[in-house]
mmCIF file of all heavy atoms, coordinates in Angstrom:
data_MODEL
# 
_entry.id   MODEL 
# 
loop_
_atom_site.group_PDB 
_atom_site.id 
_atom_site.type_symbol 
_atom_site.label_atom_id 
_atom_site.label_alt_id 
_atom_site.label_comp_id 
_atom_site.label_asym_id 
_atom_site.label_entity_id 
_atom_site.label_seq_id 
_atom_site.pdbx_PDB_ins_code 
_atom_site.Cartn_x 
_atom_site.Cartn_y 
_atom_site.Cartn_z 
_atom_site.occupancy 
_atom_site.B_iso_or_equiv 
_atom_site.pdbx_formal_charge 
_atom_site.auth_seq_id 
_atom_site.auth_comp_id 
_atom_site.auth_asym_id 
_atom_site.auth_atom_id 
_atom_site.pdbx_PDB_model_num 
ATOM 1   N N   . SER A 1 1  ? -0.610  24.482 -10.007 1.00 0.00 ? 1  SER A N   1 
ATOM 2   C CA  . SER A 1 1  ? -1.511  23.438 -10.472 1.00 0.00 ? 1  SER A CA  1 
ATOM 3   C C   . SER A 1 1  ? -2.955  23.814 -10.203 1.00 0.00 ? 1  SER A C   1 
ATOM 4   O O   . SER A 1 1  ? -3.258  24.731 -9.443  1.00 0.00 ? 1  SER A O   1 
ATOM 5   C CB  . SER A 1 1  ? -1.154  22.126 -9.790  1.00 0.00 ? 1  SER A CB  1 
ATOM 6   O OG  . SER A 1 1  ? -2.049  21.098 -10.182 1.00 0.00 ? 1  SER A OG  1 
ATOM 7   N N   . SER A 1 2  ? -3.856  23.096 -10.822 1.00 0.00 ? 2  SER A N   1 
ATOM 8   C CA  . SER A 1 2  ? -5.294  23.281 -10.575 1.00 0.00 ? 2  SER A CA  1 
ATOM 9   C C   . SER A 1 2  ? -5.659  22.684 -9.210  1.00 0.00 ? 2  SER A C   1 
ATOM 10  O O   . SER A 1 2  ? -5.158  21.603 -8.847  1.00 0.00 ? 2  SER A O   1 
ATOM 11  C CB  . SER A 1 2  ? -6.098  22.618 -11.685 1.00 0.00 ? 2  SER A CB  1 
ATOM 12  O OG  . SER A 1 2  ? -7.452  22.445 -11.320 1.00 0.00 ? 2  SER A OG  1 
ATOM 13  N N   . ASP A 1 3  ? -6.545  23.351 -8.503  1.00 0.00 ? 3  ASP A N   1 
ATOM 14  C CA  . ASP A 1 3  ? -7.035  22.810 -7.212  1.00 0.00 ? 3  ASP A CA  1 
ATOM 15  C C   . ASP A 1 3  ? -7.662  21.435 -7.428  1.00 0.00 ? 3  ASP A C   1 
ATOM 16  O O   . ASP A 1 3  ? -7.503  20.538 -6.577  1.00 0.00 ? 3  ASP A O   1 
ATOM 17  C CB  . ASP A 1 3  ? -8.057  23.771 -6.609  1.00 0.00 ? 3  ASP A CB  1 
ATOM 18  C CG  . ASP A 1 3  ? -7.412  25.021 -6.033  1.00 0.00 ? 3  ASP A CG  1 
ATOM 19  O OD1 . ASP A 1 3  ? -6.200  25.009 -5.810  1.00 0.00 ? 3  ASP A OD1 1 
ATOM 20  O OD2 . ASP A 1 3  ? -8.151  25.995 -5.783  1.00 0.00 ? 3  ASP A OD2 1 
ATOM 21  N N   . VAL A 1 4  ? -8.386  21.280 -8.510  1.00 0.00 ? 4  VAL A N   1 
ATOM 22  C CA  . VAL A 1 4  ? -9.029  20.013 -8.790  1.00 0.00 ? 4  VAL A CA  1 
ATOM 23  C C   . VAL A 1 4  ? -8.006  18.865 -8.896  1.00 0.00 ? 4  VAL A C   1 
ATOM 24  O O   . VAL A 1 4  ? -8.237  17.769 -8.396  1.00 0.00 ? 4  VAL A O   1 
ATOM 25  C CB  . VAL A 1 4  ? -9.902  20.098 -10.049 1.00 0.00 ? 4  VAL A CB  1 
ATOM 26  C CG1 . VAL A 1 4  ? -10.490 18.748 -10.397 1.00 0.00 ? 4  VAL A CG1 1 
ATOM 27  C CG2 . VAL A 1 4  ? -11.007 21.126 -9.887  1.00 0.00 ? 4  VAL A CG2 1 
ATOM 28  N N   . LEU A 1 5  ? -6.874  19.139 -9.532  1.00 0.00 ? 5  LEU A N   1 
ATOM 29  C CA  . LEU A 1 5  ? -5.843  18.122 -9.644  1.00 0.00 ? 5  LEU A CA  1 
ATOM 30  C C   . LEU A 1 5  ? -5.275  17.733 -8.284  1.00 0.00 ? 5  LEU A C   1 
ATOM 31  O O   . LEU A 1 5  ? -5.018  16.572 -8.010  1.00 0.00 ? 5  LEU A O   1 
ATOM 32  C CB  . LEU A 1 5  ? -4.732  18.599 -10.565 1.00 0.00 ? 5  LEU A CB  1 
ATOM 33  C CG  . LEU A 1 5  ? -5.080  18.722 -12.070 1.00 0.00 ? 5  LEU A CG  1 
ATOM 34  C CD1 . LEU A 1 5  ? -3.882  19.248 -12.867 1.00 0.00 ? 5  LEU A CD1 1 
ATOM 35  C CD2 . LEU A 1 5  ? -5.523  17.355 -12.626 1.00 0.00 ? 5  LEU A CD2 1 
ATOM 36  N N   . VAL A 1 6  ? -5.113  18.719 -7.418  1.00 0.00 ? 6  VAL A N   1 
ATOM 37  C CA  . VAL A 1 6  ? -4.595  18.462 -6.060  1.00 0.00 ? 6  VAL A CA  1 
ATOM 38  C C   . VAL A 1 6  ? -5.620  17.640 -5.301  1.00 0.00 ? 6  VAL A C   1 
ATOM 39  O O   . VAL A 1 6  ? -5.257  16.677 -4.617  1.00 0.00 ? 6  VAL A O   1 
ATOM 40  C CB  . VAL A 1 6  ? -4.294  19.775 -5.314  1.00 0.00 ? 6  VAL A CB  1 
ATOM 41  C CG1 . VAL A 1 6  ? -3.884  19.486 -3.851  1.00 0.00 ? 6  VAL A CG1 1 
ATOM 42  C CG2 . VAL A 1 6  ? -3.185  20.538 -6.015  1.00 0.00 ? 6  VAL A CG2 1 
ATOM 43  N N   . TRP A 1 7  ? -6.887  17.952 -5.451  1.00 0.00 ? 7  TRP A N   1 
ATOM 44  C CA  . TRP A 1 7  ? -7.935  17.184 -4.770  1.00 0.00 ? 7  TRP A CA  1 
ATOM 45  C C   . TRP A 1 7  ? -8.001  15.757 -5.310  1.00 0.00 ? 7  TRP A C   1 
ATOM 46  O O   . TRP A 1 7  ? -8.151  14.821 -4.521  1.00 0.00 ? 7  TRP A O   1 
ATOM 47  C CB  . TRP A 1 7  ? -9.295  17.852 -4.940  1.00 0.00 ? 7  TRP A CB  1 
ATOM 48  C CG  . TRP A 1 7  ? -9.354  19.262 -4.392  1.00 0.00 ? 7  TRP A CG  1 
ATOM 49  C CD1 . TRP A 1 7  ? -8.549  19.800 -3.432  1.00 0.00 ? 7  TRP A CD1 1 
ATOM 50  C CD2 . TRP A 1 7  ? -10.287 20.272 -4.762  1.00 0.00 ? 7  TRP A CD2 1 
ATOM 51  N NE1 . TRP A 1 7  ? -8.888  21.078 -3.198  1.00 0.00 ? 7  TRP A NE1 1 
ATOM 52  C CE2 . TRP A 1 7  ? -9.957  21.421 -4.002  1.00 0.00 ? 7  TRP A CE2 1 
ATOM 53  C CE3 . TRP A 1 7  ? -11.354 20.355 -5.653  1.00 0.00 ? 7  TRP A CE3 1 
ATOM 54  C CZ2 . TRP A 1 7  ? -10.662 22.631 -4.082  1.00 0.00 ? 7  TRP A CZ2 1 
ATOM 55  C CZ3 . TRP A 1 7  ? -12.030 21.540 -5.785  1.00 0.00 ? 7  TRP A CZ3 1 
ATOM 56  C CH2 . TRP A 1 7  ? -11.694 22.669 -5.005  1.00 0.00 ? 7  TRP A CH2 1 
ATOM 57  N N   . LEU A 1 8  ? -7.860  15.576 -6.599  1.00 0.00 ? 8  LEU A N   1 
ATOM 58  C CA  . LEU A 1 8  ? -7.865  14.227 -7.161  1.00 0.00 ? 8  LEU A CA  1 
ATOM 59  C C   . LEU A 1 8  ? -6.658  13.432 -6.674  1.00 0.00 ? 8  LEU A C   1 
ATOM 60  O O   . LEU A 1 8  ? -6.778  12.244 -6.369  1.00 0.00 ? 8  LEU A O   1 
ATOM 61  C CB  . LEU A 1 8  ? -7.818  14.308 -8.706  1.00 0.00 ? 8  LEU A CB  1 
ATOM 62  C CG  . LEU A 1 8  ? -9.127  14.729 -9.379  1.00 0.00 ? 8  LEU A CG  1 
ATOM 63  C CD1 . LEU A 1 8  ? -8.909  14.905 -10.878 1.00 0.00 ? 8  LEU A CD1 1 
ATOM 64  C CD2 . LEU A 1 8  ? -10.232 13.690 -9.139  1.00 0.00 ? 8  LEU A CD2 1 
ATOM 65  N N   . LEU A 1 9  ? -5.496  14.087 -6.570  1.00 0.00 ? 9  LEU A N   1 
ATOM 66  C CA  . LEU A 1 9  ? -4.314  13.417 -6.037  1.00 0.00 ? 9  LEU A CA  1 
ATOM 67  C C   . LEU A 1 9  ? -4.573  13.006 -4.576  1.00 0.00 ? 9  LEU A C   1 
ATOM 68  O O   . LEU A 1 9  ? -4.236  11.866 -4.181  1.00 0.00 ? 9  LEU A O   1 
ATOM 69  C CB  . LEU A 1 9  ? -3.085  14.334 -6.106  1.00 0.00 ? 9  LEU A CB  1 
ATOM 70  C CG  . LEU A 1 9  ? -1.808  13.816 -5.516  1.00 0.00 ? 9  LEU A CG  1 
ATOM 71  C CD1 . LEU A 1 9  ? -1.368  12.527 -6.219  1.00 0.00 ? 9  LEU A CD1 1 
ATOM 72  C CD2 . LEU A 1 9  ? -0.696  14.856 -5.608  1.00 0.00 ? 9  LEU A CD2 1 
ATOM 73  N N   . GLY A 1 10 ? -5.183  13.889 -3.788  1.00 0.00 ? 10 GLY A N   1 
ATOM 74  C CA  . GLY A 1 10 ? -5.463  13.546 -2.421  1.00 0.00 ? 10 GLY A CA  1 
ATOM 75  C C   . GLY A 1 10 ? -6.459  12.418 -2.315  1.00 0.00 ? 10 GLY A C   1 
ATOM 76  O O   . GLY A 1 10 ? -6.296  11.520 -1.467  1.00 0.00 ? 10 GLY A O   1 
ATOM 77  N N   . ALA A 1 11 ? -7.483  12.421 -3.139  1.00 0.00 ? 11 ALA A N   1 
ATOM 78  C CA  . ALA A 1 11 ? -8.511  11.414 -3.073  1.00 0.00 ? 11 ALA A CA  1 
ATOM 79  C C   . ALA A 1 11 ? -7.968  10.041 -3.496  1.00 0.00 ? 11 ALA A C   1 
ATOM 80  O O   . ALA A 1 11 ? -8.219  9.017  -2.819  1.00 0.00 ? 11 ALA A O   1 
ATOM 81  C CB  . ALA A 1 11 ? -9.709  11.776 -3.969  1.00 0.00 ? 11 ALA A CB  1 
ATOM 82  N N   . THR A 1 12 ? -7.235  9.978  -4.624  1.00 0.00 ? 12 THR A N   1 
ATOM 83  C CA  . THR A 1 12 ? -6.694  8.687  -5.074  1.00 0.00 ? 12 THR A CA  1 
ATOM 84  C C   . THR A 1 12 ? -5.642  8.173  -4.117  1.00 0.00 ? 12 THR A C   1 
ATOM 85  O O   . THR A 1 12 ? -5.604  6.948  -3.836  1.00 0.00 ? 12 THR A O   1 
ATOM 86  C CB  . THR A 1 12 ? -6.100  8.834  -6.483  1.00 0.00 ? 12 THR A CB  1 
ATOM 87  O OG1 . THR A 1 12 ? -5.123  9.881  -6.480  1.00 0.00 ? 12 THR A OG1 1 
ATOM 88  C CG2 . THR A 1 12 ? -7.180  9.149  -7.509  1.00 0.00 ? 12 THR A CG2 1 
ATOM 89  N N   . SER A 1 13 ? -4.831  9.043  -3.564  1.00 0.00 ? 13 SER A N   1 
ATOM 90  C CA  . SER A 1 13 ? -3.839  8.622  -2.581  1.00 0.00 ? 13 SER A CA  1 
ATOM 91  C C   . SER A 1 13 ? -4.484  8.104  -1.310  1.00 0.00 ? 13 SER A C   1 
ATOM 92  O O   . SER A 1 13 ? -4.037  7.094  -0.754  1.00 0.00 ? 13 SER A O   1 
ATOM 93  C CB  . SER A 1 13 ? -2.864  9.786  -2.253  1.00 0.00 ? 13 SER A CB  1 
ATOM 94  O OG  . SER A 1 13 ? -2.194  10.237 -3.402  1.00 0.00 ? 13 SER A OG  1 
ATOM 95  N N   . ALA A 1 14 ? -5.526  8.779  -0.873  1.00 0.00 ? 14 ALA A N   1 
ATOM 96  C CA  . ALA A 1 14 ? -6.256  8.318  0.320   1.00 0.00 ? 14 ALA A CA  1 
ATOM 97  C C   . ALA A 1 14 ? -6.834  6.926  0.117   1.00 0.00 ? 14 ALA A C   1 
ATOM 98  O O   . ALA A 1 14 ? -6.747  6.056  0.989   1.00 0.00 ? 14 ALA A O   1 
ATOM 99  C CB  . ALA A 1 14 ? -7.361  9.325  0.667   1.00 0.00 ? 14 ALA A CB  1 
ATOM 100 N N   . TRP A 1 15 ? -7.436  6.699  -1.058  1.00 0.00 ? 15 TRP A N   1 
ATOM 101 C CA  . TRP A 1 15 ? -8.026  5.401  -1.368  1.00 0.00 ? 15 TRP A CA  1 
ATOM 102 C C   . TRP A 1 15 ? -6.966  4.306  -1.384  1.00 0.00 ? 15 TRP A C   1 
ATOM 103 O O   . TRP A 1 15 ? -7.168  3.221  -0.813  1.00 0.00 ? 15 TRP A O   1 
ATOM 104 C CB  . TRP A 1 15 ? -8.746  5.457  -2.706  1.00 0.00 ? 15 TRP A CB  1 
ATOM 105 C CG  . TRP A 1 15 ? -9.553  4.249  -3.009  1.00 0.00 ? 15 TRP A CG  1 
ATOM 106 C CD1 . TRP A 1 15 ? -9.139  3.110  -3.651  1.00 0.00 ? 15 TRP A CD1 1 
ATOM 107 C CD2 . TRP A 1 15 ? -10.943 4.039  -2.670  1.00 0.00 ? 15 TRP A CD2 1 
ATOM 108 N NE1 . TRP A 1 15 ? -10.172 2.210  -3.739  1.00 0.00 ? 15 TRP A NE1 1 
ATOM 109 C CE2 . TRP A 1 15 ? -11.275 2.728  -3.132  1.00 0.00 ? 15 TRP A CE2 1 
ATOM 110 C CE3 . TRP A 1 15 ? -11.887 4.801  -2.024  1.00 0.00 ? 15 TRP A CE3 1 
ATOM 111 C CZ2 . TRP A 1 15 ? -12.542 2.206  -2.973  1.00 0.00 ? 15 TRP A CZ2 1 
ATOM 112 C CZ3 . TRP A 1 15 ? -13.182 4.272  -1.888  1.00 0.00 ? 15 TRP A CZ3 1 
ATOM 113 C CH2 . TRP A 1 15 ? -13.482 2.968  -2.340  1.00 0.00 ? 15 TRP A CH2 1 
ATOM 114 N N   . MET A 1 16 ? -5.845  4.586  -2.024  1.00 0.00 ? 16 MET A N   1 
ATOM 115 C CA  . MET A 1 16 ? -4.775  3.576  -2.126  1.00 0.00 ? 16 MET A CA  1 
ATOM 116 C C   . MET A 1 16 ? -4.165  3.289  -0.782  1.00 0.00 ? 16 MET A C   1 
ATOM 117 O O   . MET A 1 16 ? -3.933  2.122  -0.411  1.00 0.00 ? 16 MET A O   1 
ATOM 118 C CB  . MET A 1 16 ? -3.722  4.075  -3.107  1.00 0.00 ? 16 MET A CB  1 
ATOM 119 C CG  . MET A 1 16 ? -4.181  4.143  -4.556  1.00 0.00 ? 16 MET A CG  1 
ATOM 120 S SD  . MET A 1 16 ? -2.995  4.961  -5.640  1.00 0.00 ? 16 MET A SD  1 
ATOM 121 C CE  . MET A 1 16 ? -1.570  3.876  -5.424  1.00 0.00 ? 16 MET A CE  1 
ATOM 122 N N   . LEU A 1 17 ? -3.886  4.342  -0.003  1.00 0.00 ? 17 LEU A N   1 
ATOM 123 C CA  . LEU A 1 17 ? -3.232  4.138  1.298   1.00 0.00 ? 17 LEU A CA  1 
ATOM 124 C C   . LEU A 1 17 ? -4.147  3.427  2.297   1.00 0.00 ? 17 LEU A C   1 
ATOM 125 O O   . LEU A 1 17 ? -3.699  2.594  3.092   1.00 0.00 ? 17 LEU A O   1 
ATOM 126 C CB  . LEU A 1 17 ? -2.756  5.457  1.863   1.00 0.00 ? 17 LEU A CB  1 
ATOM 127 C CG  . LEU A 1 17 ? -1.571  6.101  1.117   1.00 0.00 ? 17 LEU A CG  1 
ATOM 128 C CD1 . LEU A 1 17 ? -1.333  7.504  1.620   1.00 0.00 ? 17 LEU A CD1 1 
ATOM 129 C CD2 . LEU A 1 17 ? -0.325  5.253  1.272   1.00 0.00 ? 17 LEU A CD2 1 
ATOM 130 N N   . ALA A 1 18 ? -5.452  3.735  2.223   1.00 0.00 ? 18 ALA A N   1 
ATOM 131 C CA  . ALA A 1 18 ? -6.395  3.041  3.082   1.00 0.00 ? 18 ALA A CA  1 
ATOM 132 C C   . ALA A 1 18 ? -6.441  1.555  2.753   1.00 0.00 ? 18 ALA A C   1 
ATOM 133 O O   . ALA A 1 18 ? -6.536  0.694  3.636   1.00 0.00 ? 18 ALA A O   1 
ATOM 134 C CB  . ALA A 1 18 ? -7.793  3.655  2.970   1.00 0.00 ? 18 ALA A CB  1 
ATOM 135 N N   . GLY A 1 19 ? -6.394  1.257  1.449   1.00 0.00 ? 19 GLY A N   1 
ATOM 136 C CA  . GLY A 1 19 ? -6.376  -0.135 1.042   1.00 0.00 ? 19 GLY A CA  1 
ATOM 137 C C   . GLY A 1 19 ? -5.104  -0.878 1.535   1.00 0.00 ? 19 GLY A C   1 
ATOM 138 O O   . GLY A 1 19 ? -5.192  -2.054 1.937   1.00 0.00 ? 19 GLY A O   1 
ATOM 139 N N   . ILE A 1 20 ? -3.989  -0.213 1.495   1.00 0.00 ? 20 ILE A N   1 
ATOM 140 C CA  . ILE A 1 20 ? -2.742  -0.813 1.984   1.00 0.00 ? 20 ILE A CA  1 
ATOM 141 C C   . ILE A 1 20 ? -2.818  -1.026 3.502   1.00 0.00 ? 20 ILE A C   1 
ATOM 142 O O   . ILE A 1 20 ? -2.458  -2.082 4.006   1.00 0.00 ? 20 ILE A O   1 
ATOM 143 C CB  . ILE A 1 20 ? -1.548  0.077  1.613   1.00 0.00 ? 20 ILE A CB  1 
ATOM 144 C CG1 . ILE A 1 20 ? -1.336  0.107  0.094   1.00 0.00 ? 20 ILE A CG1 1 
ATOM 145 C CG2 . ILE A 1 20 ? -0.277  -0.398 2.312   1.00 0.00 ? 20 ILE A CG2 1 
ATOM 146 C CD1 . ILE A 1 20 ? -0.323  1.117  -0.375  1.00 0.00 ? 20 ILE A CD1 1 
ATOM 147 N N   . LEU A 1 21 ? -3.297  -0.049 4.207   1.00 0.00 ? 21 LEU A N   1 
ATOM 148 C CA  . LEU A 1 21 ? -3.392  -0.170 5.701   1.00 0.00 ? 21 LEU A CA  1 
ATOM 149 C C   . LEU A 1 21 ? -4.335  -1.249 6.095   1.00 0.00 ? 21 LEU A C   1 
ATOM 150 O O   . LEU A 1 21 ? -4.167  -1.899 7.161   1.00 0.00 ? 21 LEU A O   1 
ATOM 151 C CB  . LEU A 1 21 ? -3.879  1.157  6.289   1.00 0.00 ? 21 LEU A CB  1 
ATOM 152 C CG  . LEU A 1 21 ? -2.840  2.279  6.342   1.00 0.00 ? 21 LEU A CG  1 
ATOM 153 C CD1 . LEU A 1 21 ? -3.512  3.625  6.712   1.00 0.00 ? 21 LEU A CD1 1 
ATOM 154 C CD2 . LEU A 1 21 ? -1.718  2.003  7.326   1.00 0.00 ? 21 LEU A CD2 1 
ATOM 155 N N   . ASP A 1 22 ? -5.375  -1.487 5.299   1.00 0.00 ? 22 ASP A N   1 
ATOM 156 C CA  . ASP A 1 22 ? -6.358  -2.535 5.612   1.00 0.00 ? 22 ASP A CA  1 
ATOM 157 C C   . ASP A 1 22 ? -5.810  -3.950 5.555   1.00 0.00 ? 22 ASP A C   1 
ATOM 158 O O   . ASP A 1 22 ? -6.369  -4.862 6.121   1.00 0.00 ? 22 ASP A O   1 
ATOM 159 C CB  . ASP A 1 22 ? -7.573  -2.417 4.682   1.00 0.00 ? 22 ASP A CB  1 
ATOM 160 C CG  . ASP A 1 22 ? -8.537  -1.306 5.084   1.00 0.00 ? 22 ASP A CG  1 
ATOM 161 O OD1 . ASP A 1 22 ? -8.481  -0.887 6.263   1.00 0.00 ? 22 ASP A OD1 1 
ATOM 162 O OD2 . ASP A 1 22 ? -9.303  -0.865 4.234   1.00 0.00 ? 22 ASP A OD2 1 
ATOM 163 N N   . GLN A 1 23 ? -4.724  -4.141 4.825   1.00 0.00 ? 23 GLN A N   1 
ATOM 164 C CA  . GLN A 1 23 ? -4.150  -5.464 4.691   1.00 0.00 ? 23 GLN A CA  1 
ATOM 165 C C   . GLN A 1 23 ? -3.567  -5.934 6.019   1.00 0.00 ? 23 GLN A C   1 
ATOM 166 O O   . GLN A 1 23 ? -2.981  -5.147 6.770   1.00 0.00 ? 23 GLN A O   1 
ATOM 167 C CB  . GLN A 1 23 ? -3.104  -5.476 3.582   1.00 0.00 ? 23 GLN A CB  1 
ATOM 168 C CG  . GLN A 1 23 ? -3.665  -5.184 2.200   1.00 0.00 ? 23 GLN A CG  1 
ATOM 169 C CD  . GLN A 1 23 ? -2.559  -5.044 1.159   1.00 0.00 ? 23 GLN A CD  1 
ATOM 170 O OE1 . GLN A 1 23 ? -1.442  -5.497 1.376   1.00 0.00 ? 23 GLN A OE1 1 
ATOM 171 N NE2 . GLN A 1 23 ? -2.920  -4.483 0.013   1.00 0.00 ? 23 GLN A NE2 1 
ATOM 172 N N   . PRO A 1 24 ? -3.703  -7.206 6.339   1.00 0.00 ? 24 PRO A N   1 
ATOM 173 C CA  . PRO A 1 24 ? -3.196  -7.740 7.623   1.00 0.00 ? 24 PRO A CA  1 
ATOM 174 C C   . PRO A 1 24 ? -1.731  -7.408 7.853   1.00 0.00 ? 24 PRO A C   1 
ATOM 175 O O   . PRO A 1 24 ? -0.898  -7.564 6.958   1.00 0.00 ? 24 PRO A O   1 
ATOM 176 C CB  . PRO A 1 24 ? -3.413  -9.270 7.502   1.00 0.00 ? 24 PRO A CB  1 
ATOM 177 C CG  . PRO A 1 24 ? -4.516  -9.386 6.496   1.00 0.00 ? 24 PRO A CG  1 
ATOM 178 C CD  . PRO A 1 24 ? -4.337  -8.278 5.521   1.00 0.00 ? 24 PRO A CD  1 
ATOM 179 N N   . GLY A 1 25 ? -1.451  -6.904 9.047   1.00 0.00 ? 25 GLY A N   1 
ATOM 180 C CA  . GLY A 1 25 ? -0.081  -6.595 9.425   1.00 0.00 ? 25 GLY A CA  1 
ATOM 181 C C   . GLY A 1 25 ? 0.414   -5.249 8.963   1.00 0.00 ? 25 GLY A C   1 
ATOM 182 O O   . GLY A 1 25 ? 1.547   -4.868 9.276   1.00 0.00 ? 25 GLY A O   1 
ATOM 183 N N   . ASN A 1 26 ? -0.418  -4.491 8.227   1.00 0.00 ? 26 ASN A N   1 
ATOM 184 C CA  . ASN A 1 26 ? 0.046   -3.200 7.669   1.00 0.00 ? 26 ASN A CA  1 
ATOM 185 C C   . ASN A 1 26 ? -0.308  -2.021 8.543   1.00 0.00 ? 26 ASN A C   1 
ATOM 186 O O   . ASN A 1 26 ? 0.032   -0.894 8.190   1.00 0.00 ? 26 ASN A O   1 
ATOM 187 C CB  . ASN A 1 26 ? -0.514  -2.998 6.259   1.00 0.00 ? 26 ASN A CB  1 
ATOM 188 C CG  . ASN A 1 26 ? 0.355   -3.681 5.208   1.00 0.00 ? 26 ASN A CG  1 
ATOM 189 O OD1 . ASN A 1 26 ? 1.348   -4.311 5.545   1.00 0.00 ? 26 ASN A OD1 1 
ATOM 190 N ND2 . ASN A 1 26 ? -0.011  -3.548 3.963   1.00 0.00 ? 26 ASN A ND2 1 
ATOM 191 N N   . GLY A 1 27 ? -0.999  -2.220 9.653   1.00 0.00 ? 27 GLY A N   1 
ATOM 192 C CA  . GLY A 1 27 ? -1.119  -1.117 10.610  1.00 0.00 ? 27 GLY A CA  1 
ATOM 193 C C   . GLY A 1 27 ? -2.449  -0.548 10.925  1.00 0.00 ? 27 GLY A C   1 
ATOM 194 O O   . GLY A 1 27 ? -2.577  0.410  11.663  1.00 0.00 ? 27 GLY A O   1 
ATOM 195 N N   . ALA A 1 28 ? -3.562  -1.103 10.367  1.00 0.00 ? 28 ALA A N   1 
ATOM 196 C CA  . ALA A 1 28 ? -4.872  -0.588 10.702  1.00 0.00 ? 28 ALA A CA  1 
ATOM 197 C C   . ALA A 1 28 ? -5.120  -0.663 12.216  1.00 0.00 ? 28 ALA A C   1 
ATOM 198 O O   . ALA A 1 28 ? -5.733  0.225  12.826  1.00 0.00 ? 28 ALA A O   1 
ATOM 199 C CB  . ALA A 1 28 ? -5.954  -1.355 9.965   1.00 0.00 ? 28 ALA A CB  1 
# 
């Protein structure tokens, strides 16, 4: 795969997972 695609996957996943963790009771 392209490095850029891997970086985009990492960035979008990081944003989504941080949002999930921020929710009450989810582990922040």
